[in-house]
Amino acid sequence: MIHEEEEKEKDKSKYKIEYLGEKFSKDLRSHKIIIIGSYGVGKTTITNKIVYKEFEQEFIPTMDIKNSQIKVNDKIIQINIWDCCGNDKYALNIPNLYKNVSLAILVYAINDRKSYKELENLYAILKEHYLDTIIFLIGNKSDLEKEREVKIEDAEKFKNNYDDIN
């Protein structure tokens, strides 16, 4: 436990991240991010937290694109977040979704085993189209720890099965 807290402190000191909100500048290169996962796992909540720094309990299914800027250390980075609808098997067939992706975020809900099991299919679709994309795995809804259906060890096992998932 102490080791984990030390690692968290190291990560905090390595990158100072500041969210600058919904902004767009034609002078900055935009980095495209796609967020995918099963219906209801919290993809829009993650997007809103990044862009607006807010958390909403209300759940409305979406397919949305948002521009935002973040400051990492002293460098401003522009991000273009594609918040895919809950049925990502269909969303991933949109040709524009494949173009120029810098980062893909796979999301599952810790209280929904079915959303975790869907990760295999989503990963396969990603790899079919995004050969060199950085992929992150996020277990969302940590506020529902008492209802957890997916163990941390399960997520680690999934991540360790693939060399390119962070």
Protein backbone atom coordinates (compact mmCIF):
# COMPACT_ATOMS: atom_id res chain seq x y z
CA MET A 1 0.00 0.00 0.00
CA ILE A 2 2.81 2.42 0.86
CA HIS A 3 4.55 1.55 -2.42
CA GLU A 4 1.38 2.45 -4.40
CA GLU A 5 1.13 5.85 -2.68
CA GLU A 6 4.81 6.55 -3.42
CA GLU A 7 4.20 5.74 -7.10
CA LYS A 8 1.20 8.09 -7.18
CA GLU A 9 3.34 10.86 -5.72
CA LYS A 10 6.03 10.26 -8.38
CA ASP A 11 3.41 10.50 -11.14
CA LYS A 12 2.06 13.73 -9.70
CA SER A 13 5.48 15.32 -9.72
CA LYS A 14 6.31 14.15 -13.26
CA TYR A 15 3.38 15.87 -14.99
CA LYS A 16 1.58 18.98 -13.91
CA ILE A 17 -1.72 18.95 -15.80
CA GLU A 18 -4.08 21.89 -15.94
CA TYR A 19 -7.38 21.71 -17.81
CA LEU A 20 -7.97 24.92 -19.74
CA GLY A 21 -11.53 24.11 -20.84
CA GLU A 22 -13.38 24.14 -24.12
CA LYS A 23 -11.09 26.11 -26.37
CA PHE A 24 -9.87 25.84 -29.92
CA SER A 25 -6.96 27.51 -31.66
CA LYS A 26 -6.14 27.11 -35.34
CA ASP A 27 -2.49 27.72 -34.40
CA LEU A 28 -2.21 24.54 -32.34
CA ARG A 29 -2.06 21.00 -33.71
CA SER A 30 -5.07 19.04 -32.51
CA HIS A 31 -4.66 15.56 -31.02
CA LYS A 32 -7.64 13.31 -31.65
CA ILE A 33 -8.83 11.13 -28.79
CA ILE A 34 -11.62 8.54 -29.02
CA ILE A 35 -13.41 7.26 -25.94
CA ILE A 36 -15.18 3.93 -26.39
CA GLY A 37 -16.95 1.46 -24.16
CA SER A 38 -20.33 -0.15 -23.60
CA TYR A 39 -23.52 1.81 -23.13
CA GLY A 40 -23.66 3.56 -19.74
CA VAL A 41 -20.04 3.12 -18.59
CA GLY A 42 -19.47 6.88 -18.20
CA LYS A 43 -17.67 7.96 -21.36
CA THR A 44 -19.49 11.32 -21.45
CA THR A 45 -18.80 11.87 -17.76
CA ILE A 46 -15.08 11.40 -18.40
CA THR A 47 -15.25 13.78 -21.37
CA ASN A 48 -17.13 16.42 -19.37
CA LYS A 49 -14.65 16.13 -16.52
CA ILE A 50 -11.78 16.83 -18.94
CA VAL A 51 -13.47 19.63 -20.87
CA TYR A 52 -15.65 21.36 -18.26
CA LYS A 53 -14.07 20.13 -15.01
CA GLU A 54 -17.49 19.03 -13.84
CA PHE A 55 -19.29 15.84 -12.91
CA GLU A 56 -22.92 15.22 -13.80
CA GLN A 57 -25.05 12.41 -12.42
CA GLU A 58 -27.55 12.66 -15.27
CA PHE A 59 -27.19 10.02 -17.97
CA ILE A 60 -27.98 10.90 -21.57
CA PRO A 61 -26.69 8.69 -24.42
CA THR A 62 -24.42 10.71 -26.71
CA MET A 63 -22.18 10.80 -29.75
CA ASP A 64 -20.30 14.06 -29.46
CA ILE A 65 -17.06 15.79 -30.41
CA LYS A 66 -15.53 18.36 -28.08
CA ASN A 67 -12.45 20.54 -28.38
CA SER A 68 -10.42 21.33 -25.32
CA GLN A 69 -6.99 22.47 -24.31
CA ILE A 70 -4.83 21.15 -21.52
CA LYS A 71 -1.54 22.40 -20.23
CA VAL A 72 0.98 19.65 -19.51
CA ASN A 73 3.88 21.11 -17.58
CA ASP A 74 4.42 24.31 -19.61
CA LYS A 75 3.12 23.09 -22.96
CA ILE A 76 -0.44 23.74 -24.16
CA ILE A 77 -1.95 20.80 -26.01
CA GLN A 78 -5.18 20.92 -27.98
CA ILE A 79 -7.34 17.82 -27.87
CA ASN A 80 -10.31 16.84 -29.98
CA ILE A 81 -12.35 14.29 -28.00
CA TRP A 82 -14.71 11.95 -29.83
CA ASP A 83 -17.17 10.65 -27.24
CA CYS A 84 -18.61 7.60 -29.00
CA CYS A 85 -22.12 6.33 -28.48
CA GLY A 86 -22.68 3.27 -26.31
CA ASN A 87 -22.99 0.89 -29.21
CA ASP A 88 -19.41 1.33 -30.34
CA LYS A 89 -19.51 -1.62 -32.72
CA TYR A 90 -21.46 0.73 -34.99
CA ALA A 91 -19.67 3.93 -34.01
CA LEU A 92 -16.32 2.41 -34.91
CA ASN A 93 -17.56 1.85 -38.45
CA ILE A 94 -17.71 5.60 -39.08
CA PRO A 95 -14.76 6.23 -41.47
CA ASN A 96 -13.88 9.65 -39.99
CA LEU A 97 -13.43 8.05 -36.60
CA TYR A 98 -10.39 6.18 -37.89
CA LYS A 99 -8.46 9.16 -39.20
CA ASN A 100 -5.54 10.66 -37.26
CA VAL A 101 -6.27 9.13 -33.85
CA SER A 102 -3.58 9.93 -31.27
CA LEU A 103 -5.14 8.14 -28.32
CA ALA A 104 -7.92 5.62 -27.73
CA ILE A 105 -9.47 5.18 -24.30
CA LEU A 106 -11.26 1.91 -23.55
CA VAL A 107 -13.75 2.35 -20.69
CA TYR A 108 -15.61 -0.20 -18.60
CA ALA A 109 -17.67 0.26 -15.44
CA ILE A 110 -16.30 -1.48 -12.35
CA ASN A 111 -19.87 -2.37 -11.34
CA ASP A 112 -20.77 -3.92 -14.73
CA ARG A 113 -19.12 -7.23 -15.63
CA LYS A 114 -20.76 -7.19 -19.07
CA SER A 115 -19.01 -3.89 -19.96
CA TYR A 116 -15.70 -5.49 -18.96
CA LYS A 117 -16.36 -8.58 -21.12
CA GLU A 118 -17.07 -6.30 -24.11
CA LEU A 119 -13.48 -4.96 -23.94
CA GLU A 120 -12.15 -7.91 -25.99
CA ASN A 121 -14.43 -7.04 -28.92
CA LEU A 122 -13.70 -3.32 -28.70
CA TYR A 123 -9.97 -3.94 -28.54
CA ALA A 124 -10.14 -6.19 -31.62
CA ILE A 125 -12.01 -3.48 -33.56
CA LEU A 126 -9.46 -0.89 -32.44
CA LYS A 127 -6.50 -2.97 -33.54
CA GLU A 128 -8.12 -3.62 -36.89
CA HIS A 129 -8.11 0.13 -37.63
CA TYR A 130 -5.62 1.81 -35.28
CA LEU A 131 -2.35 -0.04 -35.52
CA ASP A 132 -0.12 2.57 -33.86
CA THR A 133 -2.55 4.28 -31.50
CA ILE A 134 -1.81 4.61 -27.80
CA ILE A 135 -4.54 2.82 -25.82
CA PHE A 136 -5.55 3.46 -22.22
CA LEU A 137 -7.86 1.29 -20.12
CA ILE A 138 -10.09 3.02 -17.57
CA GLY A 139 -12.23 1.32 -14.95
CA ASN A 140 -14.90 3.95 -14.32
CA LYS A 141 -17.48 4.51 -11.57
CA SER A 142 -15.09 4.14 -8.65
CA ASP A 143 -17.76 5.78 -6.49
CA LEU A 144 -19.65 2.47 -6.76
CA GLU A 145 -16.91 0.40 -5.11
CA LYS A 146 -19.44 -1.45 -2.94
CA GLU A 147 -21.12 -2.72 -6.12
CA ARG A 148 -17.84 -3.75 -7.80
CA GLU A 149 -18.18 -6.70 -10.19
CA VAL A 150 -14.79 -6.35 -11.91
CA LYS A 151 -11.77 -6.91 -9.69
CA ILE A 152 -8.65 -4.79 -10.14
CA GLU A 153 -6.78 -8.03 -10.83
CA ASP A 154 -9.12 -8.75 -13.77
CA ALA A 155 -8.36 -5.38 -15.34
CA GLU A 156 -4.62 -5.88 -14.77
CA LYS A 157 -4.86 -9.30 -16.41
CA PHE A 158 -6.65 -7.83 -19.44
CA LYS A 159 -4.08 -5.03 -19.70
CA ASN A 160 -1.16 -7.44 -19.37
CA ASN A 161 -2.50 -9.62 -22.20
CA TYR A 162 -1.65 -6.78 -24.62
CA ASP A 163 1.63 -4.87 -24.88
CA ASP A 164 0.03 -1.66 -26.08
CA ILE A 165 -2.53 -0.97 -23.33
CA ASN A 166 -1.61 1.51 -20.62
